[in-house]
Amino acid sequence: MLVIISLSTVSAQKDSLKTIKNDNSLITPRYPDPGHLEKYKNDHDYNYNERPMPADNPLGRWIDWLNRKIRSFFGSKSYDNFWQYVIMAVTAGLVLYLLYKAKVLDYVFPSKGVRASADYVVGQENIHEINFEDAIGGALNQKDFRLAIRLQYLRILKLLTTKELIHWKPNLTNQVYVQELEKYPYHPDFVQITRYFEFAWYGDFQVNESGFEEMKAFSDSFVKKINT
């Protein structure tokens, strides 16, 4: 019974399709009123192809100029290599930072204060050949407190070498000696003395007498601990 109904339904649909006729009636197109079109053309709110005019003031013109520069940059080939330049800049900055931390730049571009102390070139002194009493006294007489602090620091290095607490070699960085003393109780005090020295020698500014006296008092206390 269901099959018969389905077949009859399909047959009826086919008959209805046969009765549909093509509509050959004339189509009359409708055009918008020319006056309305002209009105919309002259209305800037409906103009989506042009940039809005900048505000007629210095700030508005500057913002418009900046927007055009930004759009020009991001639409150019320069933007394709933008991140490449960023990576290169970050890498260069990292290399310079590591060189600075390793004190390499101080050898390549010594500061004015380092050039002025020509008798003791950074990293080339032989601590076993310096008469520290005379050298420090001479620096103090000339009011060269930066040099006096450096000589006081080298004097400490000589003492630590004599006590076989560090292995002194020319041109080694201060951090090498700091690391060598890590296993000894003197390490924190030596770190502080090293900071005094680096602050004065690499800071590239005037060191006064009170700055030297402060460093000397601390280093003298350190020497007593080493000798006891």
C-alpha atoms as a PDB file:
ATOM      1  CA  MET A   1       0.000   0.000   0.000  1.00  0.00           C
ATOM      2  CA  LEU A   2       2.862   2.406   0.920  1.00  0.00           C
ATOM      3  CA  VAL A   3       4.661   1.637  -2.317  1.00  0.00           C
ATOM      4  CA  ILE A   4       1.583   2.456  -4.328  1.00  0.00           C
ATOM      5  CA  ILE A   5       1.153   5.836  -2.592  1.00  0.00           C
ATOM      6  CA  SER A   6       4.808   6.767  -3.154  1.00  0.00           C
ATOM      7  CA  LEU A   7       4.640   5.952  -6.822  1.00  0.00           C
ATOM      8  CA  SER A   8       1.474   7.940  -7.246  1.00  0.00           C
ATOM      9  CA  THR A   9       3.071  10.943  -5.523  1.00  0.00           C
ATOM     10  CA  VAL A  10       6.099  10.881  -7.843  1.00  0.00           C
ATOM     11  CA  SER A  11       3.815  10.610 -10.826  1.00  0.00           C
ATOM     12  CA  ALA A  12       1.832  13.657  -9.697  1.00  0.00           C
ATOM     13  CA  GLN A  13       5.010  15.703  -9.279  1.00  0.00           C
ATOM     14  CA  LYS A  14       6.120  14.862 -12.803  1.00  0.00           C
ATOM     15  CA  ASP A  15       2.745  15.958 -14.157  1.00  0.00           C
ATOM     16  CA  SER A  16       2.961  19.282 -12.326  1.00  0.00           C
ATOM     17  CA  LEU A  17       6.408  19.975 -13.781  1.00  0.00           C
ATOM     18  CA  LYS A  18       5.062  19.467 -17.238  1.00  0.00           C
ATOM     19  CA  THR A  19       2.469  22.195 -16.719  1.00  0.00           C
ATOM     20  CA  ILE A  20       5.011  24.952 -15.807  1.00  0.00           C
ATOM     21  CA  LYS A  21       5.424  27.495 -18.585  1.00  0.00           C
ATOM     22  CA  ASN A  22       8.170  29.982 -19.307  1.00  0.00           C
ATOM     23  CA  ASP A  23       7.363  33.597 -18.357  1.00  0.00           C
ATOM     24  CA  ASN A  24       8.057  35.678 -21.461  1.00  0.00           C
ATOM     25  CA  SER A  25       6.607  38.900 -20.098  1.00  0.00           C
ATOM     26  CA  LEU A  26       8.580  42.107 -20.672  1.00  0.00           C
ATOM     27  CA  ILE A  27      10.762  43.177 -17.718  1.00  0.00           C
ATOM     28  CA  THR A  28      11.028  46.887 -17.101  1.00  0.00           C
ATOM     29  CA  PRO A  29      14.216  47.801 -15.157  1.00  0.00           C
ATOM     30  CA  ARG A  30      13.899  50.377 -12.386  1.00  0.00           C
ATOM     31  CA  TYR A  31      16.684  52.876 -11.843  1.00  0.00           C
ATOM     32  CA  PRO A  32      17.244  55.016  -8.747  1.00  0.00           C
ATOM     33  CA  ASP A  33      16.481  58.667  -9.002  1.00  0.00           C
ATOM     34  CA  PRO A  34      19.566  60.541 -10.363  1.00  0.00           C
ATOM     35  CA  GLY A  35      19.088  63.219  -7.760  1.00  0.00           C
ATOM     36  CA  HIS A  36      19.357  60.690  -4.945  1.00  0.00           C
ATOM     37  CA  LEU A  37      22.532  59.178  -6.464  1.00  0.00           C
ATOM     38  CA  GLU A  38      24.177  62.578  -6.693  1.00  0.00           C
ATOM     39  CA  LYS A  39      23.244  63.284  -3.098  1.00  0.00           C
ATOM     40  CA  TYR A  40      24.923  60.081  -1.867  1.00  0.00           C
ATOM     41  CA  LYS A  41      28.004  60.681  -4.039  1.00  0.00           C
ATOM     42  CA  ASN A  42      28.544  64.056  -2.424  1.00  0.00           C
ATOM     43  CA  ASP A  43      28.041  62.694   1.086  1.00  0.00           C
ATOM     44  CA  HIS A  44      31.492  61.862   2.593  1.00  0.00           C
ATOM     45  CA  ASP A  45      29.872  59.431   5.020  1.00  0.00           C
ATOM     46  CA  TYR A  46      29.234  57.093   2.073  1.00  0.00           C
ATOM     47  CA  ASN A  47      32.660  57.496   0.479  1.00  0.00           C
ATOM     48  CA  TYR A  48      34.513  54.291   1.449  1.00  0.00           C
ATOM     49  CA  ASN A  49      37.371  54.546  -1.074  1.00  0.00           C
ATOM     50  CA  GLU A  50      39.051  57.681   0.253  1.00  0.00           C
ATOM     51  CA  ARG A  51      40.723  58.386   3.569  1.00  0.00           C
ATOM     52  CA  PRO A  52      38.909  60.829   5.783  1.00  0.00           C
ATOM     53  CA  MET A  53      40.414  64.289   5.763  1.00  0.00           C
ATOM     54  CA  PRO A  54      42.708  64.953   8.738  1.00  0.00           C
ATOM     55  CA  ALA A  55      41.663  67.439  11.350  1.00  0.00           C
ATOM     56  CA  ASP A  56      42.644  70.966  10.379  1.00  0.00           C
ATOM     57  CA  ASN A  57      45.135  71.499  13.204  1.00  0.00           C
ATOM     58  CA  PRO A  58      48.835  70.667  13.819  1.00  0.00           C
ATOM     59  CA  LEU A  59      48.070  67.605  15.947  1.00  0.00           C
ATOM     60  CA  GLY A  60      45.614  66.206  13.420  1.00  0.00           C
ATOM     61  CA  ARG A  61      48.071  66.701  10.550  1.00  0.00           C
ATOM     62  CA  TRP A  62      50.861  65.049  12.539  1.00  0.00           C
ATOM     63  CA  ILE A  63      48.658  62.030  13.368  1.00  0.00           C
ATOM     64  CA  ASP A  64      47.671  61.744   9.698  1.00  0.00           C
ATOM     65  CA  TRP A  65      51.344  61.867   8.640  1.00  0.00           C
ATOM     66  CA  LEU A  66      52.246  59.187  11.190  1.00  0.00           C
ATOM     67  CA  ASN A  67      49.392  56.934  10.031  1.00  0.00           C
ATOM     68  CA  ARG A  68      50.530  57.232   6.418  1.00  0.00           C
ATOM     69  CA  LYS A  69      54.120  56.350   7.377  1.00  0.00           C
ATOM     70  CA  ILE A  70      52.978  53.304   9.347  1.00  0.00           C
ATOM     71  CA  ARG A  71      50.733  52.065   6.523  1.00  0.00           C
ATOM     72  CA  SER A  72      53.535  52.627   4.042  1.00  0.00           C
ATOM     73  CA  PHE A  73      55.986  50.632   6.174  1.00  0.00           C
ATOM     74  CA  PHE A  74      53.710  47.656   6.780  1.00  0.00           C
ATOM     75  CA  GLY A  75      52.756  47.595   3.123  1.00  0.00           C
ATOM     76  CA  SER A  76      56.346  47.590   1.889  1.00  0.00           C
ATOM     77  CA  LYS A  77      58.978  44.892   1.511  1.00  0.00           C
ATOM     78  CA  SER A  78      60.786  46.293   4.528  1.00  0.00           C
ATOM     79  CA  TYR A  79      58.171  44.740   6.757  1.00  0.00           C
ATOM     80  CA  ASP A  80      59.012  41.289   5.373  1.00  0.00           C
ATOM     81  CA  ASN A  81      62.470  41.571   6.951  1.00  0.00           C
ATOM     82  CA  PHE A  82      61.296  43.398  10.075  1.00  0.00           C
ATOM     83  CA  TRP A  83      61.710  40.452  12.461  1.00  0.00           C
ATOM     84  CA  GLN A  84      65.036  39.581  10.872  1.00  0.00           C
ATOM     85  CA  TYR A  85      66.310  43.040  11.811  1.00  0.00           C
ATOM     86  CA  VAL A  86      64.884  42.672  15.310  1.00  0.00           C
ATOM     87  CA  ILE A  87      66.720  39.370  15.831  1.00  0.00           C
ATOM     88  CA  MET A  88      69.959  40.870  14.503  1.00  0.00           C
ATOM     89  CA  ALA A  89      69.654  43.887  16.807  1.00  0.00           C
ATOM     90  CA  VAL A  90      68.931  41.719  19.848  1.00  0.00           C
ATOM     91  CA  THR A  91      71.875  39.446  19.016  1.00  0.00           C
ATOM     92  CA  ALA A  92      74.240  42.402  18.609  1.00  0.00           C
ATOM     93  CA  GLY A  93      73.043  43.872  21.896  1.00  0.00           C
ATOM     94  CA  LEU A  94      73.581  40.559  23.670  1.00  0.00           C
ATOM     95  CA  VAL A  95      77.131  40.255  22.307  1.00  0.00           C
ATOM     96  CA  LEU A  96      77.991  43.795  23.437  1.00  0.00           C
ATOM     97  CA  TYR A  97      76.527  43.097  26.867  1.00  0.00           C
ATOM     98  CA  LEU A  98      78.618  39.933  27.269  1.00  0.00           C
ATOM     99  CA  LEU A  99      81.750  41.779  26.145  1.00  0.00           C
ATOM    100  CA  TYR A 100      81.003  44.525  28.651  1.00  0.00           C
ATOM    101  CA  LYS A 101      80.513  42.038  31.485  1.00  0.00           C
ATOM    102  CA  ALA A 102      83.787  40.333  30.565  1.00  0.00           C
ATOM    103  CA  LYS A 103      85.556  43.728  30.674  1.00  0.00           C
ATOM    104  CA  VAL A 104      86.753  43.225  27.094  1.00  0.00           C
ATOM    105  CA  LEU A 105      85.490  46.652  26.043  1.00  0.00           C
ATOM    106  CA  ASP A 106      87.650  48.271  28.701  1.00  0.00           C
ATOM    107  CA  TYR A 107      90.725  47.010  26.854  1.00  0.00           C
ATOM    108  CA  VAL A 108      89.475  48.076  23.424  1.00  0.00           C
ATOM    109  CA  PHE A 109      88.006  51.431  24.519  1.00  0.00           C
ATOM    110  CA  PRO A 110      89.704  52.413  27.781  1.00  0.00           C
ATOM    111  CA  SER A 111      88.086  55.261  29.671  1.00  0.00           C
ATOM    112  CA  LYS A 112      89.727  58.646  30.163  1.00  0.00           C
ATOM    113  CA  GLY A 113      90.600  57.802  33.733  1.00  0.00           C
ATOM    114  CA  VAL A 114      92.384  54.616  32.687  1.00  0.00           C
ATOM    115  CA  ARG A 115      94.420  56.423  30.019  1.00  0.00           C
ATOM    116  CA  ALA A 116      95.493  59.037  32.557  1.00  0.00           C
ATOM    117  CA  SER A 117      97.107  56.393  34.780  1.00  0.00           C
ATOM    118  CA  ALA A 118      99.752  55.431  32.251  1.00  0.00           C
ATOM    119  CA  ASP A 119     102.143  53.952  34.841  1.00  0.00           C
ATOM    120  CA  TYR A 120      99.796  51.023  35.458  1.00  0.00           C
ATOM    121  CA  VAL A 121      98.180  49.740  32.307  1.00  0.00           C
ATOM    122  CA  VAL A 122      95.069  47.704  33.058  1.00  0.00           C
ATOM    123  CA  GLY A 123      95.751  43.990  33.158  1.00  0.00           C
ATOM    124  CA  GLN A 124      99.512  44.199  32.517  1.00  0.00           C
ATOM    125  CA  GLU A 125     100.918  44.803  35.997  1.00  0.00           C
ATOM    126  CA  ASN A 126     103.193  42.270  37.639  1.00  0.00           C
ATOM    127  CA  ILE A 127     102.055  42.389  41.256  1.00  0.00           C
ATOM    128  CA  HIS A 128     105.330  40.825  42.394  1.00  0.00           C
ATOM    129  CA  GLU A 129     107.382  43.728  41.012  1.00  0.00           C
ATOM    130  CA  ILE A 130     105.399  46.633  42.491  1.00  0.00           C
ATOM    131  CA  ASN A 131     106.517  48.389  45.662  1.00  0.00           C
ATOM    132  CA  PHE A 132     102.999  49.036  46.930  1.00  0.00           C
ATOM    133  CA  GLU A 133     103.992  51.329  49.795  1.00  0.00           C
ATOM    134  CA  ASP A 134     105.800  53.732  47.466  1.00  0.00           C
ATOM    135  CA  ALA A 135     103.264  53.374  44.632  1.00  0.00           C
ATOM    136  CA  ILE A 136     100.213  54.014  46.818  1.00  0.00           C
ATOM    137  CA  GLY A 137     101.987  56.892  48.562  1.00  0.00           C
ATOM    138  CA  GLY A 138     102.842  58.477  45.211  1.00  0.00           C
ATOM    139  CA  ALA A 139      99.255  58.146  43.982  1.00  0.00           C
ATOM    140  CA  LEU A 140      97.943  59.792  47.150  1.00  0.00           C
ATOM    141  CA  ASN A 141     100.436  62.654  46.838  1.00  0.00           C
ATOM    142  CA  GLN A 142      99.123  63.298  43.323  1.00  0.00           C
ATOM    143  CA  LYS A 143      95.499  63.048  44.541  1.00  0.00           C
ATOM    144  CA  ASP A 144      94.966  60.145  42.143  1.00  0.00           C
ATOM    145  CA  PHE A 145      92.611  58.226  44.400  1.00  0.00           C
ATOM    146  CA  ARG A 146      91.392  55.991  41.587  1.00  0.00           C
ATOM    147  CA  LEU A 147      94.916  54.705  41.055  1.00  0.00           C
ATOM    148  CA  ALA A 148      95.405  54.372  44.807  1.00  0.00           C
ATOM    149  CA  ILE A 149      92.322  52.135  45.038  1.00  0.00           C
ATOM    150  CA  ARG A 150      93.561  50.040  42.133  1.00  0.00           C
ATOM    151  CA  LEU A 151      96.967  49.579  43.762  1.00  0.00           C
ATOM    152  CA  GLN A 152      95.301  48.667  47.037  1.00  0.00           C
ATOM    153  CA  TYR A 153      93.290  46.024  45.191  1.00  0.00           C
ATOM    154  CA  LEU A 154      96.407  44.635  43.501  1.00  0.00           C
ATOM    155  CA  ARG A 155      98.026  44.502  46.911  1.00  0.00           C
ATOM    156  CA  ILE A 156      95.169  42.289  48.095  1.00  0.00           C
ATOM    157  CA  LEU A 157      95.638  40.038  45.059  1.00  0.00           C
ATOM    158  CA  LYS A 158      99.327  39.673  45.895  1.00  0.00           C
ATOM    159  CA  LEU A 159      98.483  38.674  49.464  1.00  0.00           C
ATOM    160  CA  LEU A 160      95.941  36.094  48.291  1.00  0.00           C
ATOM    161  CA  THR A 161      98.496  34.720  45.829  1.00  0.00           C
ATOM    162  CA  THR A 162     101.152  34.487  48.535  1.00  0.00           C
ATOM    163  CA  LYS A 163      98.693  32.614  50.755  1.00  0.00           C
ATOM    164  CA  GLU A 164      97.963  30.327  47.768  1.00  0.00           C
ATOM    165  CA  LEU A 165      94.273  31.171  47.942  1.00  0.00           C
ATOM    166  CA  ILE A 166      94.187  32.253  44.288  1.00  0.00           C
ATOM    167  CA  HIS A 167      96.337  31.629  41.215  1.00  0.00           C
ATOM    168  CA  TRP A 168      97.284  35.049  39.896  1.00  0.00           C
ATOM    169  CA  LYS A 169      98.000  35.528  36.202  1.00  0.00           C
ATOM    170  CA  PRO A 170      98.224  38.717  34.125  1.00  0.00           C
ATOM    171  CA  ASN A 171      95.070  39.760  32.252  1.00  0.00           C
ATOM    172  CA  LEU A 172      92.683  37.546  34.209  1.00  0.00           C
ATOM    173  CA  THR A 173      89.359  39.152  35.102  1.00  0.00           C
ATOM    174  CA  ASN A 174      88.384  39.936  38.666  1.00  0.00           C
ATOM    175  CA  GLN A 175      85.553  37.433  38.509  1.00  0.00           C
ATOM    176  CA  VAL A 176      88.068  34.613  38.079  1.00  0.00           C
ATOM    177  CA  TYR A 177      89.575  35.421  41.468  1.00  0.00           C
ATOM    178  CA  VAL A 178      86.123  35.844  43.002  1.00  0.00           C
ATOM    179  CA  GLN A 179      85.222  32.338  41.859  1.00  0.00           C
ATOM    180  CA  GLU A 180      88.483  30.900  43.193  1.00  0.00           C
ATOM    181  CA  LEU A 181      87.646  32.213  46.678  1.00  0.00           C
ATOM    182  CA  GLU A 182      84.112  30.803  46.730  1.00  0.00           C
ATOM    183  CA  LYS A 183      85.169  27.843  48.879  1.00  0.00           C
ATOM    184  CA  TYR A 184      86.772  30.065  51.546  1.00  0.00           C
ATOM    185  CA  PRO A 185      85.107  32.106  54.321  1.00  0.00           C
ATOM    186  CA  TYR A 186      86.845  35.223  52.979  1.00  0.00           C
ATOM    187  CA  HIS A 187      84.733  35.170  49.833  1.00  0.00           C
ATOM    188  CA  PRO A 188      82.009  37.723  50.837  1.00  0.00           C
ATOM    189  CA  ASP A 189      84.580  40.303  51.961  1.00  0.00           C
ATOM    190  CA  PHE A 190      86.621  39.862  48.795  1.00  0.00           C
ATOM    191  CA  VAL A 191      83.480  40.356  46.712  1.00  0.00           C
ATOM    192  CA  GLN A 192      82.934  43.676  48.488  1.00  0.00           C
ATOM    193  CA  ILE A 193      86.546  44.760  47.936  1.00  0.00           C
ATOM    194  CA  THR A 194      86.217  43.853  44.259  1.00  0.00           C
ATOM    195  CA  ARG A 195      83.104  46.015  44.051  1.00  0.00           C
ATOM    196  CA  TYR A 196      84.996  48.930  45.580  1.00  0.00           C
ATOM    197  CA  PHE A 197      87.686  48.545  42.942  1.00  0.00           C
ATOM    198  CA  GLU A 198      85.349  48.127  39.968  1.00  0.00           C
ATOM    199  CA  PHE A 199      83.185  51.017  41.134  1.00  0.00           C
ATOM    200  CA  ALA A 200      86.203  53.322  41.256  1.00  0.00           C
ATOM    201  CA  TRP A 201      88.259  52.077  38.312  1.00  0.00           C
ATOM    202  CA  TYR A 202      85.603  51.318  35.705  1.00  0.00           C
ATOM    203  CA  GLY A 203      83.077  53.935  36.814  1.00  0.00           C
ATOM    204  CA  ASP A 204      84.850  56.732  34.875  1.00  0.00           C
ATOM    205  CA  PHE A 205      84.215  59.457  37.448  1.00  0.00           C
ATOM    206  CA  GLN A 206      86.194  61.309  40.106  1.00  0.00           C
ATOM    207  CA  VAL A 207      86.994  59.373  43.296  1.00  0.00           C
ATOM    208  CA  ASN A 208      87.639  61.495  46.369  1.00  0.00           C
ATOM    209  CA  GLU A 209      89.851  60.829  49.373  1.00  0.00           C
ATOM    210  CA  SER A 210      86.986  59.607  51.557  1.00  0.00           C
ATOM    211  CA  GLY A 211      86.195  56.962  48.936  1.00  0.00           C
ATOM    212  CA  PHE A 212      89.758  55.681  49.103  1.00  0.00           C
ATOM    213  CA  GLU A 213      89.809  55.723  52.908  1.00  0.00           C
ATOM    214  CA  GLU A 214      86.586  53.712  53.036  1.00  0.00           C
ATOM    215  CA  MET A 215      87.975  51.067  50.694  1.00  0.00           C
ATOM    216  CA  LYS A 216      91.332  50.978  52.529  1.00  0.00           C
ATOM    217  CA  ALA A 217      89.683  50.507  55.933  1.00  0.00           C
ATOM    218  CA  PHE A 218      87.647  47.591  54.634  1.00  0.00           C
ATOM    219  CA  SER A 219      90.635  45.995  52.882  1.00  0.00           C
ATOM    220  CA  ASP A 220      92.842  46.410  55.984  1.00  0.00           C
ATOM    221  CA  SER A 221      90.236  44.508  57.993  1.00  0.00           C
ATOM    222  CA  PHE A 222      90.243  41.843  55.283  1.00  0.00           C
ATOM    223  CA  VAL A 223      94.045  41.561  55.462  1.00  0.00           C
ATOM    224  CA  LYS A 224      93.879  40.958  59.220  1.00  0.00           C
ATOM    225  CA  LYS A 225      91.455  38.079  58.683  1.00  0.00           C
ATOM    226  CA  ILE A 226      93.753  36.541  56.082  1.00  0.00           C
ATOM    227  CA  ASN A 227      96.819  36.813  58.319  1.00  0.00           C
ATOM    228  CA  THR A 228      95.209  35.343  61.433  1.00  0.00           C
END
